[in-house]
Protein backbone atom coordinates (compact mmCIF):
# COMPACT_ATOMS: atom_id res chain seq x y z
CA MET A 1 0.16 -0.08 -0.07
CA ALA A 2 2.74 2.38 0.92
CA ILE A 3 4.25 1.86 -2.64
CA VAL A 4 1.12 2.91 -4.24
CA TRP A 5 1.00 6.06 -2.23
CA LEU A 6 4.50 6.93 -3.30
CA VAL A 7 3.48 6.27 -7.03
CA ILE A 8 0.30 8.49 -6.78
CA GLY A 9 2.32 11.17 -4.90
CA ALA A 10 5.17 11.12 -7.59
CA VAL A 11 2.74 11.36 -10.48
CA MET A 12 0.74 14.41 -8.86
CA VAL A 13 3.86 16.26 -8.57
CA VAL A 14 5.68 15.22 -11.93
CA VAL A 15 2.68 15.57 -14.22
CA PRO A 16 1.62 19.17 -13.12
CA PHE A 17 5.47 20.26 -13.15
CA PHE A 18 5.90 19.13 -16.88
CA LEU A 19 2.68 20.43 -17.99
CA PHE A 20 3.50 23.86 -16.84
CA ASN A 21 6.96 23.89 -17.65
CA THR A 22 8.16 27.45 -19.12
CA PRO A 23 11.55 28.03 -20.86
CA MET A 24 13.58 30.84 -18.78
CA ASP A 25 11.04 30.78 -16.02
CA PRO A 26 11.08 27.95 -13.67
CA TRP A 27 8.29 29.22 -11.26
CA PRO A 28 5.14 28.09 -13.08
CA SER A 29 6.06 24.68 -13.32
CA VAL A 30 7.72 24.43 -9.54
CA THR A 31 4.19 26.11 -8.51
CA ALA A 32 2.27 23.48 -10.01
CA GLY A 33 4.32 20.80 -9.06
CA ALA A 34 4.01 22.26 -5.37
CA ILE A 35 0.18 22.37 -5.73
CA GLY A 36 -0.06 18.73 -6.87
CA ALA A 37 2.30 17.68 -3.76
CA GLY A 38 -0.04 19.72 -1.41
CA VAL A 39 -3.18 17.94 -3.03
CA PHE A 40 -1.51 14.64 -2.20
CA VAL A 41 -0.33 15.48 1.18
CA LEU A 42 -4.04 16.86 1.76
CA VAL A 43 -5.44 13.50 0.80
CA LEU A 44 -3.00 11.52 2.73
CA PHE A 45 -3.51 13.28 5.86
CA ILE A 46 -7.32 12.78 5.48
CA ALA A 47 -6.76 9.38 4.81
CA THR A 48 -4.52 8.90 7.84
CA VAL A 49 -6.37 10.58 10.46
CA ARG A 50 -9.59 8.96 9.36
CA SER A 51 -8.14 5.86 10.97
CA ALA A 52 -9.33 4.25 14.19
CA LEU A 53 -5.80 4.43 15.54
CA PHE A 54 -6.53 8.26 16.17
CA SER A 55 -8.49 9.73 19.09
CA GLN A 56 -11.08 12.65 18.55
CA LYS A 57 -8.25 14.92 20.43
CA ALA A 58 -5.40 13.54 18.35
CA LYS A 59 -7.29 14.09 15.13
CA ILE A 60 -8.06 17.80 16.20
CA ILE A 61 -4.47 18.40 17.31
CA SER A 62 -3.36 16.89 14.02
CA ALA A 63 -5.82 19.03 12.03
CA LEU A 64 -4.45 22.24 13.71
CA VAL A 65 -0.97 21.58 13.28
CA PHE A 66 -1.79 20.65 9.48
CA VAL A 67 -3.50 23.95 8.93
CA ALA A 68 -0.63 25.81 10.70
CA ALA A 69 2.06 24.14 8.22
CA VAL A 70 0.11 25.07 5.58
CA VAL A 71 -0.26 28.52 6.23
CA SER A 72 3.57 28.85 7.17
CA ILE A 73 4.61 27.13 3.95
CA SER A 74 2.25 29.41 1.96
CA ILE A 75 3.62 32.58 3.47
CA THR A 76 7.18 31.39 2.84
CA TRP A 77 6.55 30.41 -0.76
CA GLU A 78 4.96 33.86 -1.56
CA THR A 79 7.68 35.64 0.20
CA SER A 80 10.14 33.73 -1.77
CA TYR A 81 8.60 34.20 -5.15
CA GLU A 82 8.38 37.97 -4.40
CA GLN A 83 11.96 37.96 -3.56
CA SER A 84 12.74 36.25 -6.78
CA TYR A 85 10.57 38.48 -8.79
CA PHE A 86 12.20 41.62 -7.44
CA GLN A 87 16.05 40.28 -7.91
CA ARG A 88 15.24 39.22 -11.50
CA ASN A 89 13.64 42.62 -12.46
CA THR A 90 16.63 44.27 -10.62
CA LEU A 91 19.08 42.24 -12.59
CA ALA A 92 17.32 42.85 -15.60
CA LYS A 93 17.79 46.82 -14.69
CA ILE A 94 21.33 46.45 -14.08
CA ARG A 95 21.88 44.68 -17.25
CA THR A 96 20.33 47.50 -19.37
CA ILE A 97 22.39 50.14 -17.38
CA ILE A 98 25.38 48.17 -18.04
CA GLY A 99 24.70 47.69 -21.82
CA GLU A 100 23.94 51.27 -22.26
CA GLY A 101 27.29 52.26 -20.81
CA ILE A 102 28.88 49.67 -22.78
CA PHE A 103 27.56 51.12 -26.04
CA GLN A 104 28.49 54.61 -25.04
CA ASN A 105 31.96 53.80 -24.53
CA PHE A 106 32.55 51.55 -27.43
CA THR A 107 30.79 54.61 -29.78
CA PHE A 108 32.70 57.36 -28.48
CA ASP A 109 35.72 55.08 -29.15
CA ALA A 110 34.78 54.73 -32.62
CA MET A 111 33.58 58.40 -33.14
CA LEU A 112 36.22 60.57 -31.20
CA PRO A 113 39.22 59.51 -33.31
CA PRO A 114 37.72 60.75 -36.51
CA LEU A 115 36.56 63.89 -34.68
CA ARG A 116 40.05 64.65 -33.38
CA ALA A 117 41.31 64.22 -36.91
CA TYR A 118 38.91 66.25 -38.51
CA TYR A 119 40.05 69.11 -36.29
CA LEU A 120 43.49 68.51 -36.74
CA GLN A 121 43.46 69.11 -40.31
CA LYS A 122 44.82 72.13 -42.24
CA PRO A 123 41.75 74.33 -43.03
CA ALA A 124 42.34 74.24 -46.66
CA LYS A 125 42.63 70.34 -46.96
CA LYS A 126 39.69 69.37 -44.62
CA THR A 127 38.16 66.01 -45.43
CA PRO A 128 34.53 65.87 -44.59
CA ILE A 129 33.68 64.07 -41.18
CA GLY A 130 31.79 61.29 -42.67
CA ASN A 131 34.60 60.58 -45.13
CA LEU A 132 37.09 60.50 -42.29
CA PHE A 133 35.04 58.24 -40.17
CA MET A 134 34.86 55.61 -43.06
CA LYS A 135 38.38 55.73 -43.77
CA ILE A 136 39.61 55.54 -40.14
CA ASN A 137 37.29 52.50 -39.44
CA LYS A 138 37.16 50.96 -42.91
CA ASP A 139 38.79 47.60 -41.34
CA ARG A 140 36.05 47.35 -38.78
CA ILE A 141 32.89 48.02 -41.10
CA ASN A 142 31.42 45.05 -42.90
CA ASN A 143 28.08 44.94 -44.83
CA GLY A 144 26.74 47.93 -42.76
CA VAL A 145 27.77 46.36 -39.48
CA TYR A 146 30.56 48.09 -37.22
CA ARG A 147 32.55 45.15 -35.61
CA PHE A 148 33.78 46.00 -31.87
CA GLU A 149 36.41 43.66 -30.35
CA ASN A 150 35.46 41.73 -27.24
CA ILE A 151 31.74 42.48 -27.46
CA GLN A 152 29.17 39.80 -27.25
CA TYR A 153 25.33 39.84 -27.52
CA GLU A 154 25.58 43.41 -29.25
CA ILE A 155 25.31 44.47 -32.84
CA THR A 156 26.07 47.93 -34.22
CA TYR A 157 24.73 49.15 -37.37
CA VAL A 158 26.44 52.02 -39.44
CA ARG A 159 23.52 54.28 -40.93
CA ASP A 160 22.86 57.57 -42.69
CA VAL A 161 26.50 57.81 -43.83
CA SER A 162 27.09 61.03 -45.62
CA GLU A 163 29.85 63.48 -45.98
CA SER A 164 28.58 65.55 -43.07
CA ALA A 165 27.38 63.05 -40.61
CA VAL A 166 27.36 59.23 -39.51
CA THR A 167 25.12 57.43 -37.44
CA LEU A 168 25.60 54.18 -35.57
CA VAL A 169 22.56 52.29 -34.11
CA SER A 170 23.58 49.72 -31.59
CA VAL A 171 21.15 46.74 -30.40
CA ASP A 172 21.73 44.54 -27.14
CA SER A 173 20.34 41.29 -27.72
CA VAL A 174 20.12 40.56 -24.24
CA ALA A 175 19.17 43.87 -22.42
CA ARG A 176 15.41 45.22 -22.30
CA GLY A 177 14.64 48.33 -23.42
CA LYS A 178 11.85 50.84 -22.13
CA ASP A 179 8.92 49.59 -24.84
CA PRO A 180 8.82 45.78 -24.80
CA SER A 181 7.04 46.21 -28.29
CA PHE A 182 9.62 48.05 -29.71
CA ALA A 183 10.95 46.78 -33.14
CA ASN A 184 14.80 46.59 -32.99
CA LEU A 185 17.00 46.57 -36.10
CA ASN A 186 18.29 43.26 -35.64
CA GLY A 187 14.67 41.93 -35.84
CA GLN A 188 14.15 41.39 -32.12
CA THR A 189 11.45 43.25 -29.93
CA GLY A 190 11.72 45.05 -26.90
CA ARG A 191 15.57 45.15 -26.58
CA LEU A 192 18.00 48.19 -25.72
CA GLN A 193 18.58 50.30 -28.74
CA VAL A 194 20.96 53.49 -28.78
CA LYS A 195 21.92 55.87 -31.32
CA ALA A 196 24.92 58.14 -32.03
CA VAL A 197 25.45 60.84 -34.49
CA LEU A 198 28.74 62.09 -35.29
CA THR A 199 29.20 65.75 -37.16
CA GLU A 200 31.57 68.21 -36.98
CA LYS A 201 30.07 69.54 -34.07
CA GLY A 202 30.42 66.51 -32.09
CA VAL A 203 28.52 63.12 -31.08
CA ARG A 204 24.98 63.26 -30.19
CA TYR A 205 24.07 60.30 -28.06
CA GLU A 206 20.65 59.01 -27.52
CA ARG A 207 18.83 56.12 -26.30
CA GLN A 208 15.69 54.88 -28.83
CA ASN A 209 14.57 52.13 -26.49
């Protein structure tokens, strides 16, 4: 009989766990499995206390202890879920801040040398700022994409190239942006995207999402 109860308990936990499995988020499956386990424990408890081996007083005490345990576990479970949700959101925000800082740093590294070279030219032989950018960074530009070294999960596009200006648009494939429905240049949705525009007046930087 004990083996039968063990099999029933395992089924009531495993089946809901896999039915509610969600990639990248363990809470739905864990919660479903816990509910299945809770229902099994409740059925087992009722079946046990109904036995003639328990006095009326023992049944009442057991019921009170069981209710107290359920309430305590429920409160602990809810607290753990809220802390996990808070930590996940906080980490996502931190990742976005880090991603934006990386973009700003790499963008300035790409744009400031051409800007400096532009102002070091003699006035009579000034090469346009856009042409200077493309000349200095020609080894890093391939099919409209600017290749930074030692950078992962990010892609930078070279856009709107002219003699007077160059635009770099960077997308972070991991960090979240402000608008979850925002269409990124790389085909994703809701990711961090920033834009930097180089002109002879300097670098204008803005966050698009």
